[in-house]
Amino acid sequence: MGTETITRSGNGKGSKEQAERVLDTMPKPVAAHAPVSSPVSKQHIDIHDRVMWLCRMPYGGSRMLAAAFRSIGLDARVTPEEDARTLELGGKYTSGDECYPQRIVLGDYMKLIQDEGVDPKKTAFLLPTANGPCRFGQYWALLRRILDDQGYEDVAILAFTSADGYAGIGDQARELIRTAWRAVLIQDILLKLLLKTRPYEVAPGETDRVYLENLDLMSEITARQGISNKERMAELKEGLKRVRSSFLAIPVREEERPLIGVVGEIFCRLNTFANNELIRHIEAQGGECWLAGVGEWVWYTNQEAFRRLREEKRRFSKDWVKTFITARIMHADEEALMEDFHDVFAHHPEPHVAEVLEYAAPYLPQAGALGEMVLSTGGAIYLYNQGADGIVDISPFTCMNGIVTEAIYPRVSKDHDGIPIRVFYFDGTHSDLDRDVGIFLELAKTYKRRKQIPRP
């Protein structure tokens, strides 16, 4: 039978029972995976017999996350470096309506199968999903359809969701989640050290070399098996002492550069292939970049879990208590790993996500807008208050988050001393990036001379 349609004349008000009957006919949203029902759970796929591949977001972050998976005995690796073949394959199996990150991820994974010859029965691709106004959450479904259409049904796709703070990673979640969070924190520390040192290095390439050496070191420590959380933390802290010493030993020049805050869509801003190495272009023309890391998004998913529980009037429920305890543990680990870097990052303090959301509220309130558009808007204002000389938003072309924030930024700039804000869109085509960066940096230098908030 067809769906019953109820219409009323007059003021359009019907009874509660009629409204409930209509709502009952509507499609129900698919529930997010919990730890017992996640596709990563061994009851669905025996992942111990497969190589798990992670896309680069960023390279260092994926290296660290792969190490976390290896700590529980899984063979996790990072996809090879992207190239023209990545875009060729990504374009071949998409219609053109998909966002740029989707083309890159799909191209990377298809390249493994078609060019590298991996065994589909021994292969798994890891893709997180997300709720909110982003096609990111549909990547796994499209990839599954394409793989099936091409005869690669044996390839497994592992997905987990932001709906429960990315808790749905299977029956090994308790052992893995904490190590993975520490891996995220370490990647953010390494990336922050890289970006605050490289623009001032005396010997070109020295900072990149030190970064990669320390990435190897911290990945090795993270991947160690059979040790407790306490033992792993002690080893990680010892490793970070070596990281600190090696970065501080890099000879640097004493000079002033305009500080450019970098926000935007998480994949495109962190994947250097996707953004055509925009940060290196900014550095080459005299700038220094302050980039929002991966940890921001993890904290945001935790904050969103609290918001949903409040909306559902489930404060102090079992799920609320679990989320609260998780946040406390996350904060404790963050403090422990950052202990030796407070002085190093004294002029680049990272905000808590609640502060970012508060800054964004007058423009894009958290409850009315979701995802990176909120974080980018709030992050831009936070960076303004930290004395940044300009803000760059890196987004894929046609990205909803980028389109919304681009509409908001003129007002944000006007309300904050006219700080220059520029959205750089990327879609795989070539443009005169050096020209565009040069023009923007001239605006940043002009603002730097007249700005009201100096750098700390």
Protein backbone atom coordinates (compact mmCIF):
# COMPACT_ATOMS: atom_id res chain seq x y z
CA MET A 1 0.00 0.00 0.00
CA GLY A 2 1.11 3.55 -0.59
CA THR A 3 2.05 5.96 2.17
CA GLU A 4 -0.98 7.65 3.71
CA THR A 5 -1.01 11.42 3.22
CA ILE A 6 -2.86 13.50 5.80
CA THR A 7 -4.03 16.97 4.87
CA ARG A 8 -6.04 19.44 6.91
CA SER A 9 -7.73 22.65 6.03
CA GLY A 10 -7.70 25.70 8.25
CA ASN A 11 -4.63 26.17 10.44
CA GLY A 12 -3.03 22.86 9.40
CA LYS A 13 -2.98 21.40 12.90
CA GLY A 14 -3.73 17.71 13.23
CA SER A 15 -3.85 15.37 16.20
CA LYS A 16 -0.74 13.95 17.81
CA GLU A 17 -1.81 10.45 16.71
CA GLN A 18 -2.05 11.54 13.08
CA ALA A 19 1.39 13.13 13.21
CA GLU A 20 2.89 9.99 14.74
CA ARG A 21 1.34 7.82 12.00
CA VAL A 22 2.95 10.00 9.35
CA LEU A 23 6.32 9.89 11.10
CA ASP A 24 6.10 6.09 11.35
CA THR A 25 5.91 5.85 7.55
CA MET A 26 9.14 7.79 7.04
CA PRO A 27 12.48 6.01 6.51
CA LYS A 28 14.39 5.48 9.72
CA PRO A 29 18.05 6.56 9.90
CA VAL A 30 20.56 3.77 10.03
CA ALA A 31 22.00 3.46 13.52
CA ALA A 32 25.69 4.14 13.98
CA HIS A 33 27.87 1.12 14.65
CA ALA A 34 28.65 0.37 18.26
CA PRO A 35 31.76 -1.60 19.33
CA VAL A 36 29.84 -4.89 19.16
CA SER A 37 28.40 -4.25 15.68
CA SER A 38 31.20 -2.41 13.91
CA PRO A 39 32.35 -3.70 10.51
CA VAL A 40 35.80 -3.91 12.09
CA SER A 41 34.57 -6.54 14.53
CA LYS A 42 36.01 -10.00 13.91
CA GLN A 43 32.52 -11.47 13.76
CA HIS A 44 32.23 -9.76 10.36
CA ILE A 45 35.79 -9.88 8.98
CA ASP A 46 38.92 -11.69 10.14
CA ILE A 47 41.19 -8.68 9.86
CA HIS A 48 44.19 -10.55 11.23
CA ASP A 49 44.57 -12.27 7.86
CA ARG A 50 44.54 -9.02 5.91
CA VAL A 51 46.80 -6.05 5.27
CA MET A 52 44.97 -2.90 6.38
CA TRP A 53 45.67 0.17 4.23
CA LEU A 54 45.25 3.75 5.44
CA CYS A 55 45.09 6.82 3.19
CA ARG A 56 47.38 9.78 3.94
CA MET A 57 45.69 12.35 6.17
CA PRO A 58 48.38 13.51 6.76
CA TYR A 59 51.25 11.16 5.96
CA GLY A 60 52.69 11.39 9.48
CA GLY A 61 49.29 10.94 11.09
CA SER A 62 48.53 7.84 9.04
CA ARG A 63 51.98 6.43 9.86
CA MET A 64 51.27 6.88 13.56
CA LEU A 65 47.76 5.43 13.32
CA ALA A 66 49.09 2.42 11.40
CA ALA A 67 51.59 1.91 14.22
CA ALA A 68 48.72 1.93 16.72
CA PHE A 69 46.98 -0.83 14.76
CA ARG A 70 50.23 -2.82 14.66
CA SER A 71 50.39 -2.59 18.45
CA ILE A 72 47.44 -5.02 18.60
CA GLY A 73 48.91 -7.36 16.03
CA LEU A 74 47.36 -6.03 12.83
CA ASP A 75 49.36 -5.46 9.64
CA ALA A 76 48.54 -1.81 8.93
CA ARG A 77 50.30 0.24 6.27
CA VAL A 78 50.04 3.65 4.58
CA THR A 79 49.19 3.93 0.90
CA PRO A 80 52.05 4.79 -1.50
CA GLU A 81 52.65 8.42 -2.40
CA GLU A 82 49.97 9.99 -4.57
CA ASP A 83 50.72 10.89 -8.18
CA ALA A 84 49.05 11.51 -11.54
CA ARG A 85 47.98 7.85 -11.62
CA THR A 86 46.02 8.44 -8.42
CA LEU A 87 43.93 11.13 -10.09
CA GLU A 88 43.61 9.10 -13.30
CA LEU A 89 42.08 6.13 -11.48
CA GLY A 90 40.05 8.32 -9.14
CA GLY A 91 38.56 10.12 -12.13
CA LYS A 92 37.94 6.90 -14.04
CA TYR A 93 35.60 5.48 -11.44
CA THR A 94 33.78 8.65 -10.39
CA SER A 95 31.27 10.85 -12.17
CA GLY A 96 32.79 14.26 -11.42
CA ASP A 97 30.16 15.15 -8.84
CA GLU A 98 32.23 13.68 -6.01
CA CYS A 99 34.53 15.87 -3.95
CA TYR A 100 38.27 15.98 -4.57
CA PRO A 101 39.28 13.97 -1.47
CA GLN A 102 37.03 11.15 -2.68
CA ARG A 103 38.89 11.01 -6.00
CA ILE A 104 42.24 10.85 -4.21
CA VAL A 105 41.22 8.17 -1.72
CA LEU A 106 39.56 6.07 -4.41
CA GLY A 107 42.53 6.51 -6.73
CA ASP A 108 44.99 5.49 -4.01
CA TYR A 109 43.07 2.32 -3.20
CA MET A 110 42.41 1.33 -6.84
CA LYS A 111 46.10 1.88 -7.59
CA LEU A 112 46.98 -0.71 -4.93
CA ILE A 113 44.75 -3.26 -6.58
CA GLN A 114 45.40 -2.55 -10.25
CA ASP A 115 49.04 -1.43 -10.20
CA GLU A 116 50.55 -2.94 -7.06
CA GLY A 117 48.71 -6.24 -7.44
CA VAL A 118 47.62 -6.71 -3.83
CA ASP A 119 45.58 -9.84 -3.10
CA PRO A 120 41.93 -8.82 -2.65
CA LYS A 121 41.37 -11.66 -0.18
CA LYS A 122 44.24 -10.37 1.94
CA THR A 123 43.40 -6.66 1.68
CA ALA A 124 41.33 -4.26 3.78
CA PHE A 125 40.84 -0.53 3.26
CA LEU A 126 40.20 1.60 6.33
CA LEU A 127 37.78 4.51 5.90
CA PRO A 128 36.22 6.45 8.76
CA THR A 129 32.69 7.77 8.30
CA ALA A 130 31.12 10.90 9.72
CA ASN A 131 27.72 12.39 10.41
CA GLY A 132 27.04 15.96 9.35
CA PRO A 133 26.96 18.03 6.14
CA CYS A 134 29.84 16.30 4.37
CA ARG A 135 30.16 13.70 1.63
CA PHE A 136 33.06 12.25 3.63
CA GLY A 137 30.62 9.87 5.32
CA GLN A 138 29.63 8.36 1.96
CA TYR A 139 33.13 7.42 0.83
CA TRP A 140 32.94 3.88 2.09
CA ALA A 141 29.59 3.14 0.40
CA LEU A 142 30.78 4.44 -2.98
CA LEU A 143 34.07 2.57 -2.69
CA ARG A 144 32.20 -0.64 -1.83
CA ARG A 145 29.99 -0.31 -4.91
CA ILE A 146 32.91 0.41 -7.23
CA LEU A 147 34.96 -2.49 -5.89
CA ASP A 148 32.01 -4.86 -6.32
CA ASP A 149 31.33 -3.60 -9.86
CA GLN A 150 34.98 -4.21 -10.81
CA GLY A 151 34.99 -7.75 -9.42
CA TYR A 152 36.87 -7.03 -6.19
CA GLU A 153 34.17 -8.25 -3.79
CA ASP A 154 36.82 -9.94 -1.64
CA VAL A 155 38.39 -6.62 -0.63
CA ALA A 156 37.19 -5.65 2.84
CA ILE A 157 36.28 -2.09 3.82
CA LEU A 158 36.52 -1.19 7.47
CA ALA A 159 34.48 1.80 8.59
CA PHE A 160 33.76 3.47 11.88
CA THR A 161 31.70 6.53 12.67
CA SER A 162 31.93 9.88 14.43
CA ALA A 163 28.41 9.35 15.82
CA ASP A 164 29.86 7.77 18.95
CA GLY A 165 33.21 9.56 19.01
CA TYR A 166 34.74 6.90 16.70
CA ALA A 167 34.24 4.25 19.35
CA GLY A 168 32.88 1.67 16.91
CA ILE A 169 36.11 -0.04 15.93
CA GLY A 170 35.26 -3.55 16.94
CA ASP A 171 36.01 -5.92 19.77
CA GLN A 172 39.59 -4.66 20.12
CA ALA A 173 38.45 -1.11 20.82
CA ARG A 174 39.47 -1.03 24.47
CA GLU A 175 43.04 -1.95 23.67
CA LEU A 176 43.34 0.20 20.56
CA ILE A 177 41.52 3.47 21.20
CA ARG A 178 43.92 4.86 23.78
CA THR A 179 47.00 4.02 21.73
CA ALA A 180 45.39 5.56 18.64
CA TRP A 181 44.60 8.77 20.54
CA ARG A 182 48.20 9.00 21.72
CA ALA A 183 49.31 8.45 18.12
CA VAL A 184 47.14 11.40 17.02
CA LEU A 185 48.64 13.63 19.72
CA ILE A 186 52.19 12.69 18.76
CA GLN A 187 51.53 13.36 15.08
CA ASP A 188 50.20 16.82 15.97
CA ILE A 189 53.28 17.54 18.08
CA LEU A 190 55.64 16.46 15.29
CA LEU A 191 53.74 18.45 12.66
CA LYS A 192 53.69 21.54 14.86
CA LEU A 193 57.44 21.28 15.42
CA LEU A 194 57.98 20.87 11.68
CA LEU A 195 55.95 23.93 10.71
CA LYS A 196 57.37 26.26 13.36
CA THR A 197 60.98 25.28 12.56
CA ARG A 198 61.20 24.69 8.81
CA PRO A 199 60.63 28.30 7.66
CA TYR A 200 63.66 29.42 9.68
CA GLU A 201 66.10 26.56 9.00
CA VAL A 202 69.61 27.49 7.90
CA ALA A 203 70.20 24.30 5.90
CA PRO A 204 67.30 23.57 3.52
CA GLY A 205 65.87 20.09 4.08
CA GLU A 206 67.27 19.69 7.60
CA THR A 207 63.88 20.02 9.34
CA ASP A 208 62.20 17.54 7.00
CA ARG A 209 64.99 15.03 7.67
CA VAL A 210 64.67 15.42 11.45
CA TYR A 211 60.89 15.15 11.20
CA LEU A 212 61.03 11.86 9.29
CA GLU A 213 63.64 10.41 11.64
CA ASN A 214 61.49 11.21 14.65
CA LEU A 215 58.39 9.89 12.92
CA ASP A 216 60.22 6.57 12.52
CA LEU A 217 61.20 6.67 16.20
CA MET A 218 57.73 7.41 17.56
CA SER A 219 56.06 4.94 15.17
CA GLU A 220 58.37 2.19 16.42
CA ILE A 221 57.55 2.95 20.05
CA THR A 222 53.82 3.16 19.36
CA ALA A 223 53.77 -0.19 17.52
CA ARG A 224 55.35 -2.19 20.35
CA GLN A 225 53.16 -5.06 21.46
CA GLY A 226 52.55 -6.69 24.82
CA ILE A 227 53.06 -3.63 27.03
CA SER A 228 50.61 -1.87 29.32
CA ASN A 229 49.20 1.63 28.79
CA LYS A 230 51.43 2.87 31.62
CA GLU A 231 54.56 1.33 30.14
CA ARG A 232 53.72 2.66 26.68
CA MET A 233 53.21 6.17 28.03
CA ALA A 234 56.59 6.09 29.77
CA GLU A 235 58.32 4.98 26.56
CA LEU A 236 56.49 7.59 24.49
CA LYS A 237 57.51 10.36 26.87
CA GLU A 238 61.13 9.27 26.69
CA GLY A 239 60.91 9.26 22.93
CA LEU A 240 59.41 12.75 22.91
CA LYS A 241 62.35 14.03 24.95
CA ARG A 242 64.59 12.92 22.08
CA VAL A 243 62.18 14.55 19.61
CA ARG A 244 62.38 17.85 21.48
CA SER A 245 66.17 17.80 21.64
CA SER A 246 66.60 16.98 17.95
CA PHE A 247 64.29 19.77 16.76
CA LEU A 248 65.80 22.36 19.10
CA ALA A 249 69.26 21.42 17.78
CA ILE A 250 68.34 22.52 14.23
CA PRO A 251 70.17 25.79 13.37
CA VAL A 252 67.63 28.52 12.60
CA ARG A 253 67.67 32.15 11.48
CA GLU A 254 66.33 34.94 13.66
CA GLU A 255 63.83 36.75 11.47
CA GLU A 256 60.23 37.93 11.47
CA ARG A 257 57.73 36.36 9.13
CA PRO A 258 53.99 36.88 8.75
CA LEU A 259 52.10 34.18 10.65
CA ILE A 260 49.41 32.53 8.52
CA GLY A 261 46.73 30.47 10.24
CA VAL A 262 45.57 27.46 8.21
CA VAL A 263 42.06 26.03 8.62
CA GLY A 264 39.63 24.23 6.29
CA GLU A 265 38.41 20.79 5.27
CA ILE A 266 40.40 18.22 7.21
CA PHE A 267 41.56 15.97 4.36
CA CYS A 268 42.48 18.71 1.93
CA ARG A 269 44.35 20.83 4.47
CA LEU A 270 46.35 17.87 5.81
CA ASN A 271 47.04 15.93 2.61
CA THR A 272 49.88 17.80 0.90
CA PHE A 273 49.14 16.22 -2.49
CA ALA A 274 45.55 17.44 -2.31
CA ASN A 275 46.57 21.04 -1.57
CA ASN A 276 49.55 21.16 -3.96
CA GLU A 277 51.95 21.71 -1.02
CA LEU A 278 50.34 25.08 -0.31
CA ILE A 279 52.16 25.46 3.01
CA ARG A 280 55.54 25.06 1.31
CA HIS A 281 54.51 27.74 -1.19
CA ILE A 282 53.67 30.08 1.71
CA GLU A 283 56.99 29.32 3.41
CA ALA A 284 58.94 29.85 0.18
CA GLN A 285 57.46 33.34 -0.11
CA GLY A 286 58.31 34.34 3.45
CA GLY A 287 55.45 33.09 5.62
CA GLU A 288 55.09 30.76 8.61
CA CYS A 289 52.02 28.56 8.97
CA TRP A 290 50.02 27.51 12.02
CA LEU A 291 47.96 24.47 10.96
CA ALA A 292 44.99 22.99 12.81
CA GLY A 293 45.84 19.34 13.58
CA VAL A 294 43.97 16.04 13.69
CA GLY A 295 43.37 16.21 17.45
CA GLU A 296 40.95 19.10 16.95
CA TRP A 297 38.55 16.84 15.07
CA VAL A 298 38.74 14.07 17.68
CA TRP A 299 37.92 16.58 20.43
CA TYR A 300 35.08 17.89 18.29
CA THR A 301 33.50 14.43 17.96
CA ASN A 302 33.70 14.11 21.74
CA GLN A 303 32.03 17.50 22.16
CA GLU A 304 29.33 16.49 19.68
CA ALA A 305 28.63 13.33 21.69
CA PHE A 306 27.98 15.51 24.76
CA ARG A 307 25.72 17.82 22.75
CA ARG A 308 23.61 14.97 21.43
CA LEU A 309 23.22 13.48 24.89
CA ARG A 310 22.04 16.84 26.22
CA GLU A 311 19.55 17.22 23.37
CA GLU A 312 18.20 13.73 24.07
CA LYS A 313 17.90 14.61 27.77
CA ARG A 314 20.29 11.80 28.66
CA ARG A 315 22.66 13.79 30.81
CA PHE A 316 24.18 11.60 33.54
CA SER A 317 23.06 8.48 31.69
CA LYS A 318 25.42 5.55 31.25
CA ASP A 319 26.51 6.87 27.83
CA TRP A 320 27.09 10.36 29.26
CA VAL A 321 29.27 8.97 32.05
CA LYS A 322 31.23 6.88 29.55
CA THR A 323 31.81 9.93 27.33
CA PHE A 324 32.82 12.01 30.34
CA ILE A 325 35.36 9.43 31.52
CA THR A 326 36.74 9.11 27.97
CA ALA A 327 37.25 12.87 27.80
CA ARG A 328 39.08 12.88 31.14
CA ILE A 329 41.41 10.11 29.98
CA MET A 330 42.02 11.90 26.68
CA HIS A 331 42.87 15.11 28.52
CA ALA A 332 45.23 13.31 30.91
CA ASP A 333 47.12 11.71 28.01
CA GLU A 334 47.31 15.04 26.20
CA GLU A 335 48.75 16.77 29.24
CA ALA A 336 51.28 13.98 29.79
CA LEU A 337 52.56 14.01 26.21
CA MET A 338 52.65 17.81 26.00
CA GLU A 339 54.48 18.20 29.31
CA ASP A 340 57.91 18.81 27.77
CA PHE A 341 56.62 21.14 25.04
CA HIS A 342 54.79 23.89 26.93
CA ASP A 343 57.75 26.25 26.59
CA VAL A 344 58.40 25.25 22.96
CA PHE A 345 54.79 26.00 21.98
CA ALA A 346 54.33 28.94 24.34
CA HIS A 347 53.69 31.26 21.38
CA HIS A 348 51.54 28.69 19.55
CA PRO A 349 49.09 27.40 22.19
CA GLU A 350 46.36 25.14 20.85
CA PRO A 351 42.80 25.99 21.93
CA HIS A 352 40.34 23.56 23.45
CA VAL A 353 37.56 22.83 21.00
CA ALA A 354 35.00 24.44 23.33
CA GLU A 355 36.81 27.75 22.88
CA VAL A 356 36.74 27.36 19.09
CA LEU A 357 33.01 26.60 19.15
CA GLU A 358 32.39 29.63 21.34
CA TYR A 359 34.20 31.89 18.87
CA ALA A 360 32.15 30.43 16.00
CA ALA A 361 28.78 30.72 17.78
CA PRO A 362 27.82 34.26 16.60
CA TYR A 363 28.35 33.18 12.99
CA LEU A 364 27.77 29.41 12.87
CA PRO A 365 26.39 27.98 16.13
CA GLN A 366 27.32 24.38 16.83
CA ALA A 367 23.75 23.13 17.07
CA GLY A 368 22.73 24.74 13.78
CA ALA A 369 25.81 23.99 11.70
CA LEU A 370 27.97 20.92 11.92
CA GLY A 371 31.51 19.86 11.13
CA GLU A 372 34.46 21.71 9.71
CA MET A 373 32.59 24.91 8.79
CA VAL A 374 32.16 25.57 12.52
CA LEU A 375 35.73 24.63 13.39
CA SER A 376 37.17 26.69 10.53
CA THR A 377 35.19 29.80 11.48
CA GLY A 378 36.01 29.53 15.18
CA GLY A 379 39.59 28.58 14.41
CA ALA A 380 40.08 31.65 12.23
CA ILE A 381 38.90 33.91 15.06
CA TYR A 382 41.10 32.11 17.59
CA LEU A 383 44.14 32.57 15.34
CA TYR A 384 43.28 36.27 14.95
CA ASN A 385 43.35 36.59 18.74
CA GLN A 386 46.75 34.88 18.78
CA GLY A 387 48.21 37.56 16.53
CA ALA A 388 48.01 35.82 13.16
CA ASP A 389 48.59 38.07 10.14
CA GLY A 390 46.26 36.23 7.78
CA ILE A 391 44.03 33.17 7.53
CA VAL A 392 44.06 30.58 4.75
CA ASP A 393 41.17 28.14 4.36
CA ILE A 394 42.05 25.04 2.33
CA SER A 395 38.99 23.31 0.88
CA PRO A 396 38.09 21.02 -2.02
CA PHE A 397 36.24 22.71 -4.87
CA THR A 398 32.42 22.43 -4.37
CA CYS A 399 32.90 21.48 -0.70
CA MET A 400 29.87 22.62 1.30
CA ASN A 401 32.03 23.50 4.30
CA GLY A 402 34.24 25.72 2.16
CA ILE A 403 31.29 27.39 0.43
CA VAL A 404 29.56 28.23 3.71
CA THR A 405 32.68 29.56 5.40
CA GLU A 406 33.59 31.62 2.34
CA ALA A 407 30.22 33.34 2.71
CA ILE A 408 30.87 33.95 6.42
CA TYR A 409 34.49 35.11 6.23
CA PRO A 410 33.85 38.68 4.97
CA ARG A 411 31.83 39.36 8.10
CA VAL A 412 34.41 37.63 10.29
CA SER A 413 37.16 39.75 8.75
CA LYS A 414 35.16 42.96 9.15
CA ASP A 415 34.49 42.19 12.82
CA HIS A 416 38.16 41.41 13.48
CA ASP A 417 40.21 44.37 12.35
CA GLY A 418 40.01 43.48 8.65
CA ILE A 419 42.36 40.49 8.90
CA PRO A 420 42.85 39.03 5.40
CA ILE A 421 41.12 35.67 4.92
CA ARG A 422 41.41 33.70 1.68
CA VAL A 423 39.82 30.38 0.65
CA PHE A 424 42.06 28.29 -1.58
CA TYR A 425 40.03 25.68 -3.46
CA PHE A 426 41.61 22.57 -4.95
CA ASP A 427 40.26 20.10 -7.51
CA GLY A 428 43.34 18.57 -9.10
CA THR A 429 43.76 21.20 -11.81
CA HIS A 430 46.81 23.45 -11.96
CA SER A 431 46.73 27.17 -11.24
CA ASP A 432 49.30 29.86 -10.63
CA LEU A 433 49.59 29.12 -6.93
CA ASP A 434 52.73 31.19 -6.43
CA ARG A 435 50.96 34.25 -7.82
CA ASP A 436 47.92 33.77 -5.59
CA VAL A 437 50.07 33.12 -2.52
CA GLY A 438 52.21 36.17 -3.28
CA ILE A 439 49.17 38.44 -3.49
CA PHE A 440 47.77 37.08 -0.24
CA LEU A 441 51.08 37.47 1.60
CA GLU A 442 51.28 41.09 0.53
CA LEU A 443 47.88 41.62 2.16
CA ALA A 444 49.11 39.79 5.26
CA LYS A 445 52.25 41.95 5.47
CA THR A 446 50.18 45.12 5.16
CA TYR A 447 47.86 43.92 7.91
CA LYS A 448 50.85 42.94 10.04
CA ARG A 449 52.07 46.55 10.09
CA ARG A 450 48.75 47.93 11.37
CA LYS A 451 47.18 45.08 13.37
CA GLN A 452 46.01 45.68 16.92
CA ILE A 453 46.86 42.27 18.41
CA PRO A 454 50.60 41.42 18.37
CA ARG A 455 51.97 37.89 18.43
CA PRO A 456 52.72 36.64 21.97
